[in-house]
Amino acid sequence: RVLADAGAEWIPFDTTTLFQSPPTSDAERDAWTKKPRV
């Protein structure tokens, strides 16, 4: 409601694919520590 009243958009940050299974690289391990799990 607050965002809509201001004409602002809620940006989804979809990390569900990243967190489906354990990381397989250094880059994925780093992303696991920094990205939101929502």
PDB file of all heavy atoms in Angstrom:
ATOM      1  N   ARG A   1       0.829  -1.200   0.000  1.00  0.00           N
ATOM      2  CA  ARG A   1       0.000   0.000   0.000  1.00  0.00           C
ATOM      3  C   ARG A   1       0.870   1.259   0.000  1.00  0.00           C
ATOM      4  O   ARG A   1       0.600   2.209  -0.742  1.00  0.00           O
ATOM      5  CB  ARG A   1      -0.940   0.001   1.209  1.00  0.00           C
ATOM      6  CG  ARG A   1      -2.009   1.071   1.118  1.00  0.00           C
ATOM      7  CD  ARG A   1      -3.093   0.991   2.189  1.00  0.00           C
ATOM      8  NE  ARG A   1      -3.329  -0.329   2.701  1.00  0.00           N
ATOM      9  CZ  ARG A   1      -3.207  -0.685   4.002  1.00  0.00           C
ATOM     10  NH1 ARG A   1      -2.874   0.212   4.904  1.00  0.00           N
ATOM     11  NH2 ARG A   1      -3.455  -1.913   4.385  1.00  0.00           N
ATOM     12  N   VAL A   2       1.911   1.264   0.816  1.00  0.00           N
ATOM     13  CA  VAL A   2       2.826   2.414   0.873  1.00  0.00           C
ATOM     14  C   VAL A   2       3.478   2.624  -0.493  1.00  0.00           C
ATOM     15  O   VAL A   2       3.541   3.754  -1.000  1.00  0.00           O
ATOM     16  CB  VAL A   2       3.898   2.213   1.973  1.00  0.00           C
ATOM     17  CG1 VAL A   2       5.045   3.189   1.822  1.00  0.00           C
ATOM     18  CG2 VAL A   2       3.252   2.319   3.349  1.00  0.00           C
ATOM     19  N   LEU A   3       3.969   1.538  -1.094  1.00  0.00           N
ATOM     20  CA  LEU A   3       4.616   1.653  -2.407  1.00  0.00           C
ATOM     21  C   LEU A   3       3.621   2.101  -3.476  1.00  0.00           C
ATOM     22  O   LEU A   3       3.911   2.989  -4.276  1.00  0.00           O
ATOM     23  CB  LEU A   3       5.267   0.322  -2.797  1.00  0.00           C
ATOM     24  CG  LEU A   3       6.455  -0.115  -1.942  1.00  0.00           C
ATOM     25  CD1 LEU A   3       6.871  -1.537  -2.290  1.00  0.00           C
ATOM     26  CD2 LEU A   3       7.624   0.845  -2.108  1.00  0.00           C
ATOM     27  N   ALA A   4       2.440   1.496  -3.486  1.00  0.00           N
ATOM     28  CA  ALA A   4       1.431   1.853  -4.491  1.00  0.00           C
ATOM     29  C   ALA A   4       0.997   3.307  -4.351  1.00  0.00           C
ATOM     30  O   ALA A   4       0.834   4.012  -5.354  1.00  0.00           O
ATOM     31  CB  ALA A   4       0.228   0.918  -4.381  1.00  0.00           C
ATOM     32  N   ASP A   5       0.836   3.778  -3.119  1.00  0.00           N
ATOM     33  CA  ASP A   5       0.443   5.177  -2.904  1.00  0.00           C
ATOM     34  C   ASP A   5       1.500   6.138  -3.454  1.00  0.00           C
ATOM     35  O   ASP A   5       1.173   7.247  -3.875  1.00  0.00           O
ATOM     36  CB  ASP A   5       0.218   5.459  -1.420  1.00  0.00           C
ATOM     37  CG  ASP A   5      -1.060   4.828  -0.896  1.00  0.00           C
ATOM     38  OD1 ASP A   5      -1.877   4.345  -1.705  1.00  0.00           O
ATOM     39  OD2 ASP A   5      -1.223   4.802   0.349  1.00  0.00           O
ATOM     40  N   ALA A   6       2.758   5.710  -3.453  1.00  0.00           N
ATOM     41  CA  ALA A   6       3.842   6.548  -3.962  1.00  0.00           C
ATOM     42  C   ALA A   6       4.124   6.281  -5.438  1.00  0.00           C
ATOM     43  O   ALA A   6       5.016   6.898  -6.021  1.00  0.00           O
ATOM     44  CB  ALA A   6       5.106   6.306  -3.145  1.00  0.00           C
ATOM     45  N   GLY A   7       3.379   5.342  -6.039  1.00  0.00           N
ATOM     46  CA  GLY A   7       3.639   4.978  -7.437  1.00  0.00           C
ATOM     47  C   GLY A   7       4.959   4.258  -7.600  1.00  0.00           C
ATOM     48  O   GLY A   7       5.553   4.269  -8.672  1.00  0.00           O
ATOM     49  N   ALA A   8       5.426   3.600  -6.528  1.00  0.00           N
ATOM     50  CA  ALA A   8       6.712   2.902  -6.561  1.00  0.00           C
ATOM     51  C   ALA A   8       6.503   1.407  -6.768  1.00  0.00           C
ATOM     52  O   ALA A   8       5.482   0.848  -6.361  1.00  0.00           O
ATOM     53  CB  ALA A   8       7.473   3.145  -5.260  1.00  0.00           C
ATOM     54  N   GLU A   9       7.458   0.790  -7.385  1.00  0.00           N
ATOM     55  CA  GLU A   9       7.415  -0.646  -7.657  1.00  0.00           C
ATOM     56  C   GLU A   9       8.218  -1.411  -6.611  1.00  0.00           C
ATOM     57  O   GLU A   9       9.212  -0.915  -6.099  1.00  0.00           O
ATOM     58  CB  GLU A   9       7.983  -0.918  -9.061  1.00  0.00           C
ATOM     59  CG  GLU A   9       7.864  -2.356  -9.529  1.00  0.00           C
ATOM     60  CD  GLU A   9       6.429  -2.840  -9.591  1.00  0.00           C
ATOM     61  OE1 GLU A   9       5.670  -2.398 -10.465  1.00  0.00           O
ATOM     62  OE2 GLU A   9       6.065  -3.697  -8.759  1.00  0.00           O
ATOM     63  N   TRP A  10       7.773  -2.613  -6.307  1.00  0.00           N
ATOM     64  CA  TRP A  10       8.497  -3.561  -5.443  1.00  0.00           C
ATOM     65  C   TRP A  10       9.311  -4.438  -6.380  1.00  0.00           C
ATOM     66  O   TRP A  10       8.768  -5.168  -7.195  1.00  0.00           O
ATOM     67  CB  TRP A  10       7.502  -4.387  -4.656  1.00  0.00           C
ATOM     68  CG  TRP A  10       8.041  -5.445  -3.762  1.00  0.00           C
ATOM     69  CD1 TRP A  10       9.158  -6.205  -3.925  1.00  0.00           C
ATOM     70  CD2 TRP A  10       7.452  -5.895  -2.535  1.00  0.00           C
ATOM     71  NE1 TRP A  10       9.309  -7.091  -2.897  1.00  0.00           N
ATOM     72  CE2 TRP A  10       8.268  -6.915  -2.026  1.00  0.00           C
ATOM     73  CE3 TRP A  10       6.312  -5.533  -1.841  1.00  0.00           C
ATOM     74  CZ2 TRP A  10       7.978  -7.587  -0.842  1.00  0.00           C
ATOM     75  CZ3 TRP A  10       6.025  -6.205  -0.665  1.00  0.00           C
ATOM     76  CH2 TRP A  10       6.858  -7.213  -0.167  1.00  0.00           C
ATOM     77  N   ILE A  11      10.620  -4.359  -6.300  1.00  0.00           N
ATOM     78  CA  ILE A  11      11.496  -5.158  -7.168  1.00  0.00           C
ATOM     79  C   ILE A  11      11.733  -6.514  -6.524  1.00  0.00           C
ATOM     80  O   ILE A  11      12.383  -6.599  -5.481  1.00  0.00           O
ATOM     81  CB  ILE A  11      12.860  -4.483  -7.391  1.00  0.00           C
ATOM     82  CG1 ILE A  11      12.699  -3.092  -7.972  1.00  0.00           C
ATOM     83  CG2 ILE A  11      13.743  -5.353  -8.278  1.00  0.00           C
ATOM     84  CD1 ILE A  11      14.003  -2.316  -8.061  1.00  0.00           C
ATOM     85  N   PRO A  12      11.229  -7.587  -7.118  1.00  0.00           N
ATOM     86  CA  PRO A  12      11.581  -8.892  -6.581  1.00  0.00           C
ATOM     87  C   PRO A  12      13.014  -9.255  -6.975  1.00  0.00           C
ATOM     88  O   PRO A  12      13.448  -8.993  -8.093  1.00  0.00           O
ATOM     89  CB  PRO A  12      10.577  -9.835  -7.247  1.00  0.00           C
ATOM     90  CG  PRO A  12      10.084  -9.127  -8.442  1.00  0.00           C
ATOM     91  CD  PRO A  12      10.275  -7.663  -8.211  1.00  0.00           C
ATOM     92  N   PHE A  13      13.740  -9.819  -6.032  1.00  0.00           N
ATOM     93  CA  PHE A  13      15.082 -10.341  -6.302  1.00  0.00           C
ATOM     94  C   PHE A  13      14.952 -11.846  -6.154  1.00  0.00           C
ATOM     95  O   PHE A  13      14.959 -12.385  -5.048  1.00  0.00           O
ATOM     96  CB  PHE A  13      16.082  -9.759  -5.310  1.00  0.00           C
ATOM     97  CG  PHE A  13      17.526 -10.079  -5.629  1.00  0.00           C
ATOM     98  CD1 PHE A  13      17.895 -10.689  -6.810  1.00  0.00           C
ATOM     99  CD2 PHE A  13      18.518  -9.757  -4.733  1.00  0.00           C
ATOM    100  CE1 PHE A  13      19.229 -10.975  -7.100  1.00  0.00           C
ATOM    101  CE2 PHE A  13      19.851 -10.025  -4.998  1.00  0.00           C
ATOM    102  CZ  PHE A  13      20.203 -10.643  -6.183  1.00  0.00           C
ATOM    103  N   ASP A  14      14.782 -12.529  -7.284  1.00  0.00           N
ATOM    104  CA  ASP A  14      14.519 -13.966  -7.280  1.00  0.00           C
ATOM    105  C   ASP A  14      15.835 -14.740  -7.200  1.00  0.00           C
ATOM    106  O   ASP A  14      16.568 -14.840  -8.181  1.00  0.00           O
ATOM    107  CB  ASP A  14      13.740 -14.354  -8.537  1.00  0.00           C
ATOM    108  CG  ASP A  14      13.361 -15.825  -8.562  1.00  0.00           C
ATOM    109  OD1 ASP A  14      13.763 -16.580  -7.650  1.00  0.00           O
ATOM    110  OD2 ASP A  14      12.673 -16.228  -9.513  1.00  0.00           O
ATOM    111  N   THR A  15      16.092 -15.296  -6.028  1.00  0.00           N
ATOM    112  CA  THR A  15      17.292 -16.104  -5.802  1.00  0.00           C
ATOM    113  C   THR A  15      16.922 -17.568  -5.576  1.00  0.00           C
ATOM    114  O   THR A  15      17.760 -18.348  -5.114  1.00  0.00           O
ATOM    115  CB  THR A  15      18.071 -15.576  -4.581  1.00  0.00           C
ATOM    116  OG1 THR A  15      17.211 -15.614  -3.434  1.00  0.00           O
ATOM    117  CG2 THR A  15      18.583 -14.157  -4.802  1.00  0.00           C
ATOM    118  N   THR A  16      15.691 -17.942  -5.882  1.00  0.00           N
ATOM    119  CA  THR A  16      15.249 -19.306  -5.582  1.00  0.00           C
ATOM    120  C   THR A  16      16.063 -20.361  -6.325  1.00  0.00           C
ATOM    121  O   THR A  16      16.347 -21.420  -5.771  1.00  0.00           O
ATOM    122  CB  THR A  16      13.751 -19.480  -5.876  1.00  0.00           C
ATOM    123  OG1 THR A  16      13.485 -19.147  -7.238  1.00  0.00           O
ATOM    124  CG2 THR A  16      12.902 -18.597  -4.963  1.00  0.00           C
ATOM    125  N   THR A  17      16.458 -20.089  -7.556  1.00  0.00           N
ATOM    126  CA  THR A  17      17.270 -21.051  -8.305  1.00  0.00           C
ATOM    127  C   THR A  17      18.649 -21.207  -7.667  1.00  0.00           C
ATOM    128  O   THR A  17      19.164 -22.320  -7.546  1.00  0.00           O
ATOM    129  CB  THR A  17      17.393 -20.621  -9.777  1.00  0.00           C
ATOM    130  OG1 THR A  17      16.085 -20.632 -10.360  1.00  0.00           O
ATOM    131  CG2 THR A  17      18.301 -21.534 -10.566  1.00  0.00           C
ATOM    132  N   LEU A  18      19.242 -20.109  -7.247  1.00  0.00           N
ATOM    133  CA  LEU A  18      20.551 -20.166  -6.603  1.00  0.00           C
ATOM    134  C   LEU A  18      20.515 -21.065  -5.372  1.00  0.00           C
ATOM    135  O   LEU A  18      21.419 -21.861  -5.154  1.00  0.00           O
ATOM    136  CB  LEU A  18      21.011 -18.766  -6.205  1.00  0.00           C
ATOM    137  CG  LEU A  18      22.324 -18.722  -5.407  1.00  0.00           C
ATOM    138  CD1 LEU A  18      23.506 -19.117  -6.287  1.00  0.00           C
ATOM    139  CD2 LEU A  18      22.530 -17.349  -4.796  1.00  0.00           C
ATOM    140  N   PHE A  19      19.454 -20.954  -4.579  1.00  0.00           N
ATOM    141  CA  PHE A  19      19.400 -21.673  -3.311  1.00  0.00           C
ATOM    142  C   PHE A  19      18.726 -23.038  -3.396  1.00  0.00           C
ATOM    143  O   PHE A  19      18.498 -23.677  -2.372  1.00  0.00           O
ATOM    144  CB  PHE A  19      18.715 -20.800  -2.251  1.00  0.00           C
ATOM    145  CG  PHE A  19      19.534 -19.610  -1.844  1.00  0.00           C
ATOM    146  CD1 PHE A  19      19.095 -18.327  -2.111  1.00  0.00           C
ATOM    147  CD2 PHE A  19      20.762 -19.773  -1.219  1.00  0.00           C
ATOM    148  CE1 PHE A  19      19.853 -17.219  -1.737  1.00  0.00           C
ATOM    149  CE2 PHE A  19      21.532 -18.685  -0.846  1.00  0.00           C
ATOM    150  CZ  PHE A  19      21.072 -17.402  -1.112  1.00  0.00           C
ATOM    151  N   GLN A  20      18.428 -23.525  -4.602  1.00  0.00           N
ATOM    152  CA  GLN A  20      17.787 -24.842  -4.739  1.00  0.00           C
ATOM    153  C   GLN A  20      18.703 -25.980  -4.323  1.00  0.00           C
ATOM    154  O   GLN A  20      18.236 -27.020  -3.883  1.00  0.00           O
ATOM    155  CB  GLN A  20      17.339 -25.082  -6.181  1.00  0.00           C
ATOM    156  CG  GLN A  20      16.007 -24.487  -6.491  1.00  0.00           C
ATOM    157  CD  GLN A  20      15.599 -24.752  -7.926  1.00  0.00           C
ATOM    158  OE1 GLN A  20      16.413 -25.056  -8.792  1.00  0.00           O
ATOM    159  NE2 GLN A  20      14.322 -24.622  -8.192  1.00  0.00           N
ATOM    160  N   SER A  21      19.988 -25.807  -4.517  1.00  0.00           N
ATOM    161  CA  SER A  21      20.941 -26.863  -4.162  1.00  0.00           C
ATOM    162  C   SER A  21      22.271 -26.205  -3.797  1.00  0.00           C
ATOM    163  O   SER A  21      22.510 -25.047  -4.154  1.00  0.00           O
ATOM    164  CB  SER A  21      21.111 -27.839  -5.329  1.00  0.00           C
ATOM    165  OG  SER A  21      21.576 -27.167  -6.474  1.00  0.00           O
ATOM    166  N   PRO A  22      23.136 -26.929  -3.098  1.00  0.00           N
ATOM    167  CA  PRO A  22      24.397 -26.340  -2.646  1.00  0.00           C
ATOM    168  C   PRO A  22      25.231 -25.773  -3.800  1.00  0.00           C
ATOM    169  O   PRO A  22      25.133 -26.219  -4.942  1.00  0.00           O
ATOM    170  CB  PRO A  22      25.126 -27.512  -1.980  1.00  0.00           C
ATOM    171  CG  PRO A  22      24.034 -28.448  -1.576  1.00  0.00           C
ATOM    172  CD  PRO A  22      22.969 -28.298  -2.645  1.00  0.00           C
ATOM    173  N   PRO A  23      26.061 -24.776  -3.489  1.00  0.00           N
ATOM    174  CA  PRO A  23      26.894 -24.149  -4.521  1.00  0.00           C
ATOM    175  C   PRO A  23      27.906 -25.132  -5.105  1.00  0.00           C
ATOM    176  O   PRO A  23      28.337 -26.059  -4.434  1.00  0.00           O
ATOM    177  CB  PRO A  23      27.592 -23.012  -3.778  1.00  0.00           C
ATOM    178  CG  PRO A  23      27.436 -23.287  -2.333  1.00  0.00           C
ATOM    179  CD  PRO A  23      26.265 -24.198  -2.168  1.00  0.00           C
ATOM    180  N   THR A  24      28.254 -24.875  -6.372  1.00  0.00           N
ATOM    181  CA  THR A  24      29.191 -25.753  -7.072  1.00  0.00           C
ATOM    182  C   THR A  24      30.448 -25.022  -7.534  1.00  0.00           C
ATOM    183  O   THR A  24      31.255 -25.602  -8.254  1.00  0.00           O
ATOM    184  CB  THR A  24      28.504 -26.401  -8.299  1.00  0.00           C
ATOM    185  OG1 THR A  24      28.057 -25.357  -9.172  1.00  0.00           O
ATOM    186  CG2 THR A  24      27.324 -27.268  -7.879  1.00  0.00           C
ATOM    187  N   SER A  25      30.596 -23.752  -7.155  1.00  0.00           N
ATOM    188  CA  SER A  25      31.767 -22.975  -7.565  1.00  0.00           C
ATOM    189  C   SER A  25      32.053 -21.911  -6.505  1.00  0.00           C
ATOM    190  O   SER A  25      31.215 -21.640  -5.646  1.00  0.00           O
ATOM    191  CB  SER A  25      31.524 -22.297  -8.917  1.00  0.00           C
ATOM    192  OG  SER A  25      30.568 -21.255  -8.758  1.00  0.00           O
ATOM    193  N   ASP A  26      33.206 -21.299  -6.608  1.00  0.00           N
ATOM    194  CA  ASP A  26      33.541 -20.203  -5.696  1.00  0.00           C
ATOM    195  C   ASP A  26      32.560 -19.040  -5.851  1.00  0.00           C
ATOM    196  O   ASP A  26      32.146 -18.431  -4.866  1.00  0.00           O
ATOM    197  CB  ASP A  26      34.974 -19.719  -5.925  1.00  0.00           C
ATOM    198  CG  ASP A  26      36.018 -20.707  -5.433  1.00  0.00           C
ATOM    199  OD1 ASP A  26      35.673 -21.597  -4.609  1.00  0.00           O
ATOM    200  OD2 ASP A  26      37.180 -20.603  -5.875  1.00  0.00           O
ATOM    201  N   ALA A  27      32.181 -18.733  -7.089  1.00  0.00           N
ATOM    202  CA  ALA A  27      31.243 -17.625  -7.325  1.00  0.00           C
ATOM    203  C   ALA A  27      29.892 -17.922  -6.688  1.00  0.00           C
ATOM    204  O   ALA A  27      29.270 -17.039  -6.079  1.00  0.00           O
ATOM    205  CB  ALA A  27      31.095 -17.364  -8.822  1.00  0.00           C
ATOM    206  N   GLU A  28      29.416 -19.159  -6.820  1.00  0.00           N
ATOM    207  CA  GLU A  28      28.143 -19.521  -6.202  1.00  0.00           C
ATOM    208  C   GLU A  28      28.258 -19.509  -4.679  1.00  0.00           C
ATOM    209  O   GLU A  28      27.346 -19.055  -3.993  1.00  0.00           O
ATOM    210  CB  GLU A  28      27.668 -20.887  -6.695  1.00  0.00           C
ATOM    211  CG  GLU A  28      27.157 -20.857  -8.116  1.00  0.00           C
ATOM    212  CD  GLU A  28      26.607 -22.197  -8.584  1.00  0.00           C
ATOM    213  OE1 GLU A  28      26.669 -23.202  -7.817  1.00  0.00           O
ATOM    214  OE2 GLU A  28      26.107 -22.260  -9.720  1.00  0.00           O
ATOM    215  N   ARG A  29      29.373 -19.979  -4.132  1.00  0.00           N
ATOM    216  CA  ARG A  29      29.563 -19.941  -2.673  1.00  0.00           C
ATOM    217  C   ARG A  29      29.543 -18.494  -2.173  1.00  0.00           C
ATOM    218  O   ARG A  29      28.937 -18.190  -1.148  1.00  0.00           O
ATOM    219  CB  ARG A  29      30.874 -20.628  -2.282  1.00  0.00           C
ATOM    220  CG  ARG A  29      30.736 -22.133  -2.113  1.00  0.00           C
ATOM    221  CD  ARG A  29      32.013 -22.782  -1.590  1.00  0.00           C
ATOM    222  NE  ARG A  29      33.002 -22.977  -2.632  1.00  0.00           N
ATOM    223  CZ  ARG A  29      32.934 -23.882  -3.595  1.00  0.00           C
ATOM    224  NH1 ARG A  29      31.889 -24.687  -3.659  1.00  0.00           N
ATOM    225  NH2 ARG A  29      33.876 -23.998  -4.501  1.00  0.00           N
ATOM    226  N   ASP A  30      30.194 -17.612  -2.908  1.00  0.00           N
ATOM    227  CA  ASP A  30      30.196 -16.196  -2.533  1.00  0.00           C
ATOM    228  C   ASP A  30      28.779 -15.615  -2.586  1.00  0.00           C
ATOM    229  O   ASP A  30      28.361 -14.896  -1.678  1.00  0.00           O
ATOM    230  CB  ASP A  30      31.134 -15.422  -3.471  1.00  0.00           C
ATOM    231  CG  ASP A  30      31.302 -13.981  -3.058  1.00  0.00           C
ATOM    232  OD1 ASP A  30      31.662 -13.733  -1.885  1.00  0.00           O
ATOM    233  OD2 ASP A  30      31.074 -13.086  -3.909  1.00  0.00           O
ATOM    234  N   ALA A  31      28.036 -15.938  -3.642  1.00  0.00           N
ATOM    235  CA  ALA A  31      26.658 -15.454  -3.769  1.00  0.00           C
ATOM    236  C   ALA A  31      25.795 -15.982  -2.620  1.00  0.00           C
ATOM    237  O   ALA A  31      24.932 -15.256  -2.106  1.00  0.00           O
ATOM    238  CB  ALA A  31      26.068 -15.864  -5.115  1.00  0.00           C
ATOM    239  N   TRP A  32      26.032 -17.211  -2.203  1.00  0.00           N
ATOM    240  CA  TRP A  32      25.264 -17.788  -1.092  1.00  0.00           C
ATOM    241  C   TRP A  32      25.429 -16.970   0.177  1.00  0.00           C
ATOM    242  O   TRP A  32      24.526 -16.898   0.997  1.00  0.00           O
ATOM    243  CB  TRP A  32      25.711 -19.234  -0.838  1.00  0.00           C
ATOM    244  CG  TRP A  32      24.833 -20.258  -1.494  1.00  0.00           C
ATOM    245  CD1 TRP A  32      24.481 -20.304  -2.801  1.00  0.00           C
ATOM    246  CD2 TRP A  32      24.219 -21.372  -0.861  1.00  0.00           C
ATOM    247  NE1 TRP A  32      23.685 -21.386  -3.036  1.00  0.00           N
ATOM    248  CE2 TRP A  32      23.515 -22.063  -1.857  1.00  0.00           C
ATOM    249  CE3 TRP A  32      24.210 -21.859   0.430  1.00  0.00           C
ATOM    250  CZ2 TRP A  32      22.782 -23.212  -1.595  1.00  0.00           C
ATOM    251  CZ3 TRP A  32      23.488 -23.012   0.694  1.00  0.00           C
ATOM    252  CH2 TRP A  32      22.772 -23.675  -0.312  1.00  0.00           C
ATOM    253  N   THR A  33      26.593 -16.374   0.367  1.00  0.00           N
ATOM    254  CA  THR A  33      26.837 -15.614   1.596  1.00  0.00           C
ATOM    255  C   THR A  33      26.317 -14.183   1.516  1.00  0.00           C
ATOM    256  O   THR A  33      26.142 -13.546   2.539  1.00  0.00           O
ATOM    257  CB  THR A  33      28.341 -15.568   1.944  1.00  0.00           C
ATOM    258  OG1 THR A  33      29.044 -14.837   0.930  1.00  0.00           O
ATOM    259  CG2 THR A  33      28.913 -16.969   2.085  1.00  0.00           C
ATOM    260  N   LYS A  34      26.074 -13.686   0.306  1.00  0.00           N
ATOM    261  CA  LYS A  34      25.730 -12.270   0.131  1.00  0.00           C
ATOM    262  C   LYS A  34      24.306 -12.000  -0.335  1.00  0.00           C
ATOM    263  O   LYS A  34      23.802 -10.894  -0.154  1.00  0.00           O
ATOM    264  CB  LYS A  34      26.694 -11.631  -0.875  1.00  0.00           C
ATOM    265  CG  LYS A  34      28.123 -11.606  -0.383  1.00  0.00           C
ATOM    266  CD  LYS A  34      29.041 -11.021  -1.415  1.00  0.00           C
ATOM    267  CE  LYS A  34      30.466 -10.989  -0.890  1.00  0.00           C
ATOM    268  NZ  LYS A  34      31.402 -10.579  -1.922  1.00  0.00           N
ATOM    269  N   LYS A  35      23.673 -12.949  -0.967  1.00  0.00           N
ATOM    270  CA  LYS A  35      22.357 -12.701  -1.567  1.00  0.00           C
ATOM    271  C   LYS A  35      21.237 -13.082  -0.610  1.00  0.00           C
ATOM    272  O   LYS A  35      21.362 -14.006   0.183  1.00  0.00           O
ATOM    273  CB  LYS A  35      22.203 -13.471  -2.883  1.00  0.00           C
ATOM    274  CG  LYS A  35      23.284 -13.166  -3.913  1.00  0.00           C
ATOM    275  CD  LYS A  35      23.390 -11.693  -4.222  1.00  0.00           C
ATOM    276  CE  LYS A  35      24.495 -11.427  -5.219  1.00  0.00           C
ATOM    277  NZ  LYS A  35      24.780 -10.037  -5.393  1.00  0.00           N
ATOM    278  N   PRO A  36      20.107 -12.380  -0.700  1.00  0.00           N
ATOM    279  CA  PRO A  36      18.992 -12.675   0.208  1.00  0.00           C
ATOM    280  C   PRO A  36      18.301 -13.985  -0.162  1.00  0.00           C
ATOM    281  O   PRO A  36      18.151 -14.314  -1.337  1.00  0.00           O
ATOM    282  CB  PRO A  36      18.047 -11.490  -0.011  1.00  0.00           C
ATOM    283  CG  PRO A  36      18.322 -11.056  -1.409  1.00  0.00           C
ATOM    284  CD  PRO A  36      19.791 -11.302  -1.634  1.00  0.00           C
ATOM    285  N   ARG A  37      17.899 -14.701   0.840  1.00  0.00           N
ATOM    286  CA  ARG A  37      17.165 -15.954   0.648  1.00  0.00           C
ATOM    287  C   ARG A  37      15.699 -15.644   0.958  1.00  0.00           C
ATOM    288  O   ARG A  37      15.254 -15.762   2.092  1.00  0.00           O
ATOM    289  CB  ARG A  37      17.719 -17.025   1.576  1.00  0.00           C
ATOM    290  CG  ARG A  37      17.260 -18.412   1.243  1.00  0.00           C
ATOM    291  CD  ARG A  37      17.853 -19.421   2.205  1.00  0.00           C
ATOM    292  NE  ARG A  37      19.282 -19.533   2.048  1.00  0.00           N
ATOM    293  CZ  ARG A  37      19.935 -20.662   1.847  1.00  0.00           C
ATOM    294  NH1 ARG A  37      19.268 -21.797   1.773  1.00  0.00           N
ATOM    295  NH2 ARG A  37      21.238 -20.669   1.725  1.00  0.00           N
ATOM    296  N   VAL A  38      14.982 -15.184  -0.052  1.00  0.00           N
ATOM    297  CA  VAL A  38      13.579 -14.807   0.125  1.00  0.00           C
ATOM    298  C   VAL A  38      12.734 -15.545  -0.908  1.00  0.00           C
ATOM    299  O   VAL A  38      13.235 -15.952  -1.957  1.00  0.00           O
ATOM    300  CB  VAL A  38      13.383 -13.270  -0.015  1.00  0.00           C
ATOM    301  CG1 VAL A  38      14.072 -12.535   1.118  1.00  0.00           C
ATOM    302  CG2 VAL A  38      13.883 -12.763  -1.354  1.00  0.00           C
TER     303      VAL A  38
END
